Amino acid sequence: MKSWAIPKGLSSDPKERRLAVRTEDHPFDYKDFEGIIPEGQYGAGEVIIWDKGYYINITRDSRGRTVSMEDAIKKGKIEVYFEGTKIKGGYALIRLKPGKDEKENWLVIKLKDQFVGSLPDDLQQIGQSVVTGKSIEDLKKTNKKKKILS
């Protein structure tokens, strides 16, 4: 499963450009994981299922033909339509030129559609898991209690 970390989260404002850092691909089974990844392991920390749904690849070439996701990633321009519980609408991911840190950085930009402005500026306002209703803070509290008890 192709993955990006978006430190400031998605925006529903097409004028906002958010950094999206490409991460290693995740096994598809990870889509159902919610919990705590122990310190010292890749991705350590608290994980919630913040949103759930599906996406449609809407990337097109200059002639309007569909571009495969694999080719879109290679070319550095992806357009997707999200149909999630929280996130809806079109987004573009555009790869930036490689920097000194060797990370594959992209920009994620909201496409203009009927879902512009549908998200609060502070995504923490809707920060609960769509599966359990827990927040990252709830998991942190659970993690602290476990450390105290062990």
N, C-alpha and C. Protein backbone atom coordinates (compact mmCIF):
# COMPACT_ATOMS: atom_id res chain seq x y z
N MET A 1 0.86 -1.16 0.00
CA MET A 1 0.00 0.00 0.00
C MET A 1 0.91 1.23 0.00
N LYS A 2 0.81 2.04 -1.04
CA LYS A 2 1.62 3.26 -1.13
C LYS A 2 1.24 4.19 0.01
N SER A 3 2.24 4.84 0.62
CA SER A 3 1.97 5.64 1.81
C SER A 3 2.79 6.92 1.85
N TRP A 4 2.17 7.95 2.41
CA TRP A 4 2.80 9.24 2.63
C TRP A 4 2.47 9.69 4.04
N ALA A 5 3.42 10.36 4.69
CA ALA A 5 3.15 11.01 5.97
C ALA A 5 2.89 12.48 5.65
N ILE A 6 1.79 13.02 6.18
CA ILE A 6 1.43 14.42 5.94
C ILE A 6 1.43 15.11 7.30
N PRO A 7 2.59 15.69 7.70
CA PRO A 7 2.75 16.21 9.06
C PRO A 7 1.66 17.17 9.52
N LYS A 8 1.20 18.05 8.65
CA LYS A 8 0.16 19.01 9.05
C LYS A 8 -1.23 18.55 8.67
N GLY A 9 -1.35 17.35 8.13
CA GLY A 9 -2.66 16.83 7.73
C GLY A 9 -3.14 17.45 6.43
N LEU A 10 -4.22 16.90 5.91
CA LEU A 10 -4.80 17.42 4.67
C LEU A 10 -5.53 18.73 4.92
N SER A 11 -5.64 19.52 3.89
CA SER A 11 -6.43 20.75 3.94
C SER A 11 -7.55 20.62 2.92
N SER A 12 -8.66 21.29 3.16
CA SER A 12 -9.72 21.31 2.15
C SER A 12 -9.74 22.65 1.43
N ASP A 13 -8.63 23.39 1.53
CA ASP A 13 -8.48 24.67 0.85
C ASP A 13 -7.48 24.51 -0.31
N PRO A 14 -7.93 24.68 -1.56
CA PRO A 14 -7.03 24.51 -2.71
C PRO A 14 -5.82 25.46 -2.71
N LYS A 15 -5.86 26.53 -1.93
CA LYS A 15 -4.73 27.46 -1.87
C LYS A 15 -3.62 26.94 -0.96
N GLU A 16 -3.95 25.98 -0.10
CA GLU A 16 -2.97 25.41 0.84
C GLU A 16 -2.16 24.30 0.16
N ARG A 17 -0.87 24.35 0.33
CA ARG A 17 0.01 23.28 -0.12
C ARG A 17 0.58 22.63 1.12
N ARG A 18 0.40 21.33 1.26
CA ARG A 18 0.91 20.62 2.43
C ARG A 18 1.99 19.63 2.00
N LEU A 19 3.01 19.52 2.84
CA LEU A 19 4.08 18.56 2.60
C LEU A 19 3.56 17.15 2.81
N ALA A 20 3.92 16.26 1.90
CA ALA A 20 3.62 14.83 2.02
C ALA A 20 4.93 14.08 1.79
N VAL A 21 5.42 13.38 2.82
CA VAL A 21 6.69 12.69 2.74
C VAL A 21 6.42 11.21 2.45
N ARG A 22 6.95 10.73 1.36
CA ARG A 22 6.75 9.34 0.98
C ARG A 22 7.41 8.45 2.02
N THR A 23 6.69 7.44 2.46
CA THR A 23 7.22 6.47 3.42
C THR A 23 7.31 5.12 2.72
N GLU A 24 7.86 4.16 3.43
CA GLU A 24 7.92 2.82 2.82
C GLU A 24 6.51 2.29 2.62
N ASP A 25 6.35 1.45 1.62
CA ASP A 25 5.05 0.84 1.36
C ASP A 25 4.64 0.00 2.56
N HIS A 26 3.35 0.01 2.86
CA HIS A 26 2.82 -0.75 3.98
C HIS A 26 2.06 -1.97 3.48
N PRO A 27 2.16 -3.10 4.19
CA PRO A 27 1.33 -4.25 3.83
C PRO A 27 -0.16 -3.86 3.93
N PHE A 28 -0.98 -4.40 3.05
CA PHE A 28 -2.39 -4.05 3.02
C PHE A 28 -3.08 -4.35 4.35
N ASP A 29 -2.60 -5.36 5.08
CA ASP A 29 -3.19 -5.72 6.38
C ASP A 29 -3.10 -4.59 7.40
N TYR A 30 -2.15 -3.67 7.22
CA TYR A 30 -1.98 -2.56 8.17
C TYR A 30 -3.19 -1.64 8.19
N LYS A 31 -4.03 -1.71 7.18
CA LYS A 31 -5.18 -0.80 7.11
C LYS A 31 -6.12 -0.98 8.30
N ASP A 32 -6.06 -2.13 8.96
CA ASP A 32 -6.95 -2.41 10.09
C ASP A 32 -6.27 -2.25 11.44
N PHE A 33 -4.98 -1.84 11.46
CA PHE A 33 -4.26 -1.76 12.73
C PHE A 33 -4.56 -0.46 13.46
N GLU A 34 -4.85 -0.61 14.73
CA GLU A 34 -5.01 0.53 15.62
C GLU A 34 -4.40 0.13 16.96
N GLY A 35 -3.49 0.94 17.47
CA GLY A 35 -2.85 0.61 18.73
C GLY A 35 -1.53 1.33 18.88
N ILE A 36 -0.61 0.69 19.59
CA ILE A 36 0.67 1.31 19.91
C ILE A 36 1.80 0.46 19.33
N ILE A 37 2.66 1.10 18.54
CA ILE A 37 3.85 0.44 18.02
C ILE A 37 4.98 0.77 18.99
N PRO A 38 5.61 -0.26 19.58
CA PRO A 38 6.63 -0.03 20.61
C PRO A 38 7.82 0.79 20.13
N GLU A 39 8.42 1.53 21.08
CA GLU A 39 9.62 2.31 20.80
C GLU A 39 10.69 1.39 20.23
N GLY A 40 11.47 1.93 19.31
CA GLY A 40 12.54 1.16 18.69
C GLY A 40 12.10 0.45 17.42
N GLN A 41 10.80 0.35 17.18
CA GLN A 41 10.30 -0.27 15.96
C GLN A 41 9.92 0.80 14.95
N TYR A 42 9.98 0.44 13.66
CA TYR A 42 9.62 1.39 12.61
C TYR A 42 8.20 1.89 12.83
N GLY A 43 8.02 3.20 12.77
CA GLY A 43 6.69 3.79 12.92
C GLY A 43 6.23 3.84 14.37
N ALA A 44 7.17 3.77 15.32
CA ALA A 44 6.82 3.74 16.74
C ALA A 44 5.88 4.87 17.13
N GLY A 45 4.93 4.54 17.99
CA GLY A 45 3.99 5.53 18.48
C GLY A 45 2.56 5.03 18.40
N GLU A 46 1.66 5.94 18.64
CA GLU A 46 0.24 5.61 18.67
C GLU A 46 -0.35 5.72 17.26
N VAL A 47 -1.21 4.76 16.92
CA VAL A 47 -1.81 4.71 15.58
C VAL A 47 -3.32 4.53 15.73
N ILE A 48 -4.07 5.41 15.08
CA ILE A 48 -5.53 5.22 15.02
C ILE A 48 -5.94 5.14 13.55
N ILE A 49 -7.11 4.60 13.32
CA ILE A 49 -7.69 4.60 11.98
C ILE A 49 -8.50 5.88 11.89
N TRP A 50 -7.84 6.94 11.41
CA TRP A 50 -8.43 8.28 11.41
C TRP A 50 -9.56 8.39 10.41
N ASP A 51 -9.45 7.68 9.29
CA ASP A 51 -10.49 7.70 8.28
C ASP A 51 -10.51 6.35 7.58
N LYS A 52 -11.61 6.06 6.96
CA LYS A 52 -11.75 4.79 6.26
C LYS A 52 -12.61 5.04 5.03
N GLY A 53 -12.25 4.42 3.94
CA GLY A 53 -13.01 4.58 2.71
C GLY A 53 -12.21 4.02 1.54
N TYR A 54 -12.39 4.64 0.40
CA TYR A 54 -11.67 4.20 -0.78
C TYR A 54 -11.28 5.42 -1.61
N TYR A 55 -10.43 5.18 -2.59
CA TYR A 55 -10.05 6.27 -3.50
C TYR A 55 -10.21 5.78 -4.93
N ILE A 56 -10.35 6.75 -5.83
CA ILE A 56 -10.41 6.47 -7.26
C ILE A 56 -9.28 7.27 -7.90
N ASN A 57 -8.48 6.61 -8.73
CA ASN A 57 -7.43 7.29 -9.47
C ASN A 57 -8.10 8.11 -10.57
N ILE A 58 -7.94 9.43 -10.52
CA ILE A 58 -8.53 10.30 -11.55
C ILE A 58 -7.44 10.99 -12.38
N THR A 59 -6.21 10.46 -12.32
CA THR A 59 -5.10 11.04 -13.07
C THR A 59 -5.34 10.86 -14.57
N ARG A 60 -5.17 11.95 -15.32
CA ARG A 60 -5.36 11.91 -16.77
C ARG A 60 -4.13 12.53 -17.45
N ASP A 61 -3.87 12.08 -18.66
CA ASP A 61 -2.80 12.69 -19.44
C ASP A 61 -3.34 13.89 -20.21
N SER A 62 -2.51 14.50 -21.04
CA SER A 62 -2.92 15.71 -21.76
C SER A 62 -4.05 15.46 -22.76
N ARG A 63 -4.28 14.20 -23.12
CA ARG A 63 -5.37 13.86 -24.03
C ARG A 63 -6.62 13.38 -23.30
N GLY A 64 -6.57 13.43 -21.96
CA GLY A 64 -7.73 13.02 -21.17
C GLY A 64 -7.83 11.54 -20.91
N ARG A 65 -6.78 10.79 -21.25
CA ARG A 65 -6.79 9.35 -21.01
C ARG A 65 -6.32 9.05 -19.59
N THR A 66 -6.89 8.01 -19.01
CA THR A 66 -6.50 7.58 -17.67
C THR A 66 -5.03 7.17 -17.64
N VAL A 67 -4.33 7.63 -16.61
CA VAL A 67 -2.94 7.24 -16.37
C VAL A 67 -2.96 6.27 -15.20
N SER A 68 -2.29 5.13 -15.34
CA SER A 68 -2.27 4.15 -14.25
C SER A 68 -1.62 4.77 -13.02
N MET A 69 -1.96 4.25 -11.86
CA MET A 69 -1.37 4.76 -10.62
C MET A 69 0.15 4.58 -10.64
N GLU A 70 0.60 3.44 -11.13
CA GLU A 70 2.04 3.18 -11.21
C GLU A 70 2.73 4.23 -12.07
N ASP A 71 2.17 4.54 -13.24
CA ASP A 71 2.76 5.55 -14.12
C ASP A 71 2.66 6.95 -13.51
N ALA A 72 1.56 7.23 -12.84
CA ALA A 72 1.38 8.55 -12.20
C ALA A 72 2.45 8.76 -11.13
N ILE A 73 2.72 7.73 -10.34
CA ILE A 73 3.76 7.83 -9.30
C ILE A 73 5.12 8.05 -9.96
N LYS A 74 5.41 7.28 -11.01
CA LYS A 74 6.70 7.44 -11.72
C LYS A 74 6.85 8.85 -12.27
N LYS A 75 5.76 9.40 -12.82
CA LYS A 75 5.81 10.74 -13.42
C LYS A 75 5.78 11.85 -12.37
N GLY A 76 5.36 11.51 -11.14
CA GLY A 76 5.38 12.49 -10.06
C GLY A 76 4.14 13.37 -9.98
N LYS A 77 3.04 12.93 -10.58
CA LYS A 77 1.79 13.68 -10.46
C LYS A 77 0.63 12.69 -10.40
N ILE A 78 -0.05 12.73 -9.24
CA ILE A 78 -1.17 11.82 -8.99
C ILE A 78 -2.39 12.66 -8.67
N GLU A 79 -3.53 12.28 -9.20
CA GLU A 79 -4.80 12.89 -8.80
C GLU A 79 -5.73 11.77 -8.37
N VAL A 80 -6.29 11.93 -7.17
CA VAL A 80 -7.20 10.91 -6.63
C VAL A 80 -8.46 11.57 -6.10
N TYR A 81 -9.52 10.79 -6.07
CA TYR A 81 -10.77 11.22 -5.46
C TYR A 81 -10.99 10.32 -4.26
N PHE A 82 -11.10 10.93 -3.07
CA PHE A 82 -11.32 10.17 -1.84
C PHE A 82 -12.80 10.13 -1.50
N GLU A 83 -13.25 8.96 -1.13
CA GLU A 83 -14.62 8.80 -0.62
C GLU A 83 -14.48 8.13 0.74
N GLY A 84 -14.21 8.96 1.75
CA GLY A 84 -14.00 8.46 3.10
C GLY A 84 -15.08 8.95 4.04
N THR A 85 -14.98 8.54 5.28
CA THR A 85 -15.91 9.02 6.30
C THR A 85 -15.69 10.50 6.56
N LYS A 86 -14.42 10.93 6.58
CA LYS A 86 -14.08 12.33 6.86
C LYS A 86 -13.59 13.07 5.62
N ILE A 87 -12.73 12.44 4.87
CA ILE A 87 -12.13 13.08 3.69
C ILE A 87 -12.92 12.71 2.45
N LYS A 88 -13.33 13.74 1.73
CA LYS A 88 -14.06 13.52 0.48
C LYS A 88 -13.52 14.49 -0.57
N GLY A 89 -13.54 14.06 -1.81
CA GLY A 89 -13.16 14.94 -2.89
C GLY A 89 -11.79 14.66 -3.47
N GLY A 90 -11.41 15.52 -4.41
CA GLY A 90 -10.19 15.33 -5.16
C GLY A 90 -8.98 15.99 -4.53
N TYR A 91 -7.84 15.32 -4.68
CA TYR A 91 -6.55 15.82 -4.21
C TYR A 91 -5.49 15.49 -5.25
N ALA A 92 -4.51 16.36 -5.35
CA ALA A 92 -3.35 16.11 -6.21
C ALA A 92 -2.12 15.94 -5.34
N LEU A 93 -1.27 15.02 -5.73
CA LEU A 93 0.05 14.84 -5.11
C LEU A 93 1.07 15.12 -6.20
N ILE A 94 1.99 16.04 -5.91
CA ILE A 94 3.00 16.44 -6.89
C ILE A 94 4.38 16.29 -6.27
N ARG A 95 5.21 15.46 -6.91
CA ARG A 95 6.55 15.21 -6.37
C ARG A 95 7.44 16.44 -6.56
N LEU A 96 8.18 16.76 -5.51
CA LEU A 96 9.14 17.85 -5.55
C LEU A 96 10.50 17.32 -6.01
N LYS A 97 11.37 18.21 -6.44
CA LYS A 97 12.72 17.80 -6.82
C LYS A 97 13.42 17.28 -5.57
N PRO A 98 14.25 16.24 -5.72
CA PRO A 98 14.93 15.67 -4.55
C PRO A 98 15.80 16.71 -3.84
N GLY A 99 15.74 16.67 -2.52
CA GLY A 99 16.56 17.56 -1.71
C GLY A 99 17.76 16.84 -1.16
N LYS A 100 18.49 17.52 -0.29
CA LYS A 100 19.69 16.94 0.31
C LYS A 100 19.37 15.80 1.27
N ASP A 101 18.16 15.81 1.84
CA ASP A 101 17.82 14.79 2.83
C ASP A 101 17.45 13.45 2.20
N GLU A 102 17.42 13.38 0.86
CA GLU A 102 17.13 12.16 0.11
C GLU A 102 15.73 11.62 0.31
N LYS A 103 14.88 12.32 1.04
CA LYS A 103 13.50 11.87 1.20
C LYS A 103 12.72 12.25 -0.05
N GLU A 104 11.72 11.45 -0.35
CA GLU A 104 10.88 11.74 -1.50
C GLU A 104 9.72 12.61 -1.02
N ASN A 105 9.87 13.91 -1.23
CA ASN A 105 8.86 14.87 -0.78
C ASN A 105 7.89 15.22 -1.90
N TRP A 106 6.63 15.33 -1.51
CA TRP A 106 5.56 15.67 -2.43
C TRP A 106 4.76 16.82 -1.81
N LEU A 107 3.98 17.48 -2.63
CA LEU A 107 2.97 18.42 -2.13
C LEU A 107 1.62 17.77 -2.33
N VAL A 108 0.73 17.97 -1.37
CA VAL A 108 -0.65 17.51 -1.53
C VAL A 108 -1.53 18.76 -1.56
N ILE A 109 -2.38 18.82 -2.57
CA ILE A 109 -3.19 20.02 -2.82
C ILE A 109 -4.64 19.59 -3.07
N LYS A 110 -5.57 20.27 -2.43
CA LYS A 110 -6.99 20.00 -2.64
C LYS A 110 -7.39 20.48 -4.03
N LEU A 111 -8.10 19.64 -4.77
CA LEU A 111 -8.64 20.05 -6.06
C LEU A 111 -9.95 20.80 -5.84
N LYS A 112 -10.30 21.67 -6.75
CA LYS A 112 -11.55 22.43 -6.61
C LYS A 112 -12.74 21.53 -6.94
N ASP A 113 -13.59 21.34 -5.95
CA ASP A 113 -14.82 20.56 -6.13
C ASP A 113 -15.80 20.95 -5.03
N GLN A 114 -16.90 20.23 -4.93
CA GLN A 114 -17.94 20.59 -3.95
C GLN A 114 -17.51 20.39 -2.50
N PHE A 115 -16.34 19.78 -2.26
CA PHE A 115 -15.88 19.53 -0.89
C PHE A 115 -14.84 20.54 -0.40
N VAL A 116 -14.59 21.58 -1.18
CA VAL A 116 -13.69 22.65 -0.75
C VAL A 116 -14.26 23.25 0.55
N GLY A 117 -13.39 23.41 1.55
CA GLY A 117 -13.81 24.00 2.83
C GLY A 117 -14.56 23.05 3.75
N SER A 118 -14.56 21.76 3.44
CA SER A 118 -15.35 20.81 4.24
C SER A 118 -14.64 20.33 5.51
N LEU A 119 -13.35 20.63 5.66
CA LEU A 119 -12.60 20.20 6.84
C LEU A 119 -12.28 21.40 7.73
N PRO A 120 -12.24 21.19 9.06
CA PRO A 120 -11.80 22.28 9.93
C PRO A 120 -10.30 22.51 9.73
N ASP A 121 -9.82 23.74 10.00
CA ASP A 121 -8.39 24.04 9.88
C ASP A 121 -7.57 23.15 10.81
N ASP A 122 -8.09 22.91 12.00
CA ASP A 122 -7.42 22.06 12.98
C ASP A 122 -8.06 20.68 12.94
N LEU A 123 -7.38 19.74 12.31
CA LEU A 123 -7.94 18.39 12.16
C LEU A 123 -8.09 17.66 13.49
N GLN A 124 -7.45 18.18 14.55
CA GLN A 124 -7.63 17.57 15.87
C GLN A 124 -9.09 17.65 16.32
N GLN A 125 -9.82 18.60 15.75
CA GLN A 125 -11.24 18.72 16.10
C GLN A 125 -12.02 17.47 15.68
N ILE A 126 -11.50 16.77 14.68
CA ILE A 126 -12.14 15.54 14.23
C ILE A 126 -11.13 14.39 14.33
N GLY A 127 -10.37 14.39 15.43
CA GLY A 127 -9.23 13.50 15.59
C GLY A 127 -9.51 12.11 16.13
N GLN A 128 -10.75 11.70 16.20
CA GLN A 128 -11.04 10.38 16.74
C GLN A 128 -11.02 9.30 15.65
N SER A 129 -10.72 8.09 16.08
CA SER A 129 -10.75 6.93 15.19
C SER A 129 -12.17 6.72 14.68
N VAL A 130 -12.28 6.39 13.40
CA VAL A 130 -13.60 6.08 12.83
C VAL A 130 -14.05 4.68 13.23
N VAL A 131 -13.15 3.90 13.83
CA VAL A 131 -13.48 2.54 14.25
C VAL A 131 -13.83 2.47 15.73
N THR A 132 -12.95 3.04 16.59
CA THR A 132 -13.14 2.91 18.05
C THR A 132 -13.59 4.19 18.73
N GLY A 133 -13.46 5.31 18.04
CA GLY A 133 -13.79 6.60 18.66
C GLY A 133 -12.66 7.15 19.53
N LYS A 134 -11.54 6.41 19.63
CA LYS A 134 -10.41 6.86 20.45
C LYS A 134 -9.58 7.88 19.69
N SER A 135 -8.92 8.75 20.46
CA SER A 135 -8.00 9.73 19.88
C SER A 135 -6.57 9.26 20.14
N ILE A 136 -5.61 9.92 19.51
CA ILE A 136 -4.19 9.65 19.78
C ILE A 136 -3.92 9.89 21.27
N GLU A 137 -4.51 10.95 21.82
CA GLU A 137 -4.33 11.25 23.25
C GLU A 137 -4.84 10.10 24.12
N ASP A 138 -5.96 9.49 23.75
CA ASP A 138 -6.48 8.34 24.50
C ASP A 138 -5.46 7.20 24.50
N LEU A 139 -4.85 6.94 23.35
CA LEU A 139 -3.85 5.87 23.27
C LEU A 139 -2.60 6.23 24.07
N LYS A 140 -2.20 7.50 24.06
CA LYS A 140 -1.04 7.93 24.85
C LYS A 140 -1.30 7.69 26.33
N LYS A 141 -2.50 8.01 26.80
CA LYS A 141 -2.85 7.77 28.21
C LYS A 141 -2.78 6.29 28.53
N THR A 142 -3.30 5.46 27.64
CA THR A 142 -3.26 4.01 27.83
C THR A 142 -1.81 3.53 27.89
N ASN A 143 -0.97 4.07 27.01
CA ASN A 143 0.43 3.70 26.94
C ASN A 143 1.15 4.08 28.24
N LYS A 144 0.87 5.27 28.78
CA LYS A 144 1.49 5.71 30.04
C LYS A 144 1.08 4.80 31.19
N LYS A 145 -0.20 4.42 31.23
CA LYS A 145 -0.67 3.52 32.29
C LYS A 145 0.05 2.18 32.21
N LYS A 146 0.24 1.65 31.00
CA LYS A 146 0.94 0.37 30.83
C LYS A 146 2.38 0.47 31.32
N LYS A 147 3.05 1.60 31.03
CA LYS A 147 4.44 1.79 31.47
C LYS A 147 4.52 1.85 32.99
N ILE A 148 3.55 2.49 33.62
CA ILE A 148 3.53 2.60 35.08
C ILE A 148 3.30 1.23 35.70
N LEU A 149 2.43 0.42 35.10
CA LEU A 149 2.10 -0.89 35.65
C LEU A 149 3.20 -1.91 35.43
N SER A 150 4.05 -1.72 34.41
CA SER A 150 5.06 -2.74 34.13
C SER A 150 6.32 -2.56 34.93
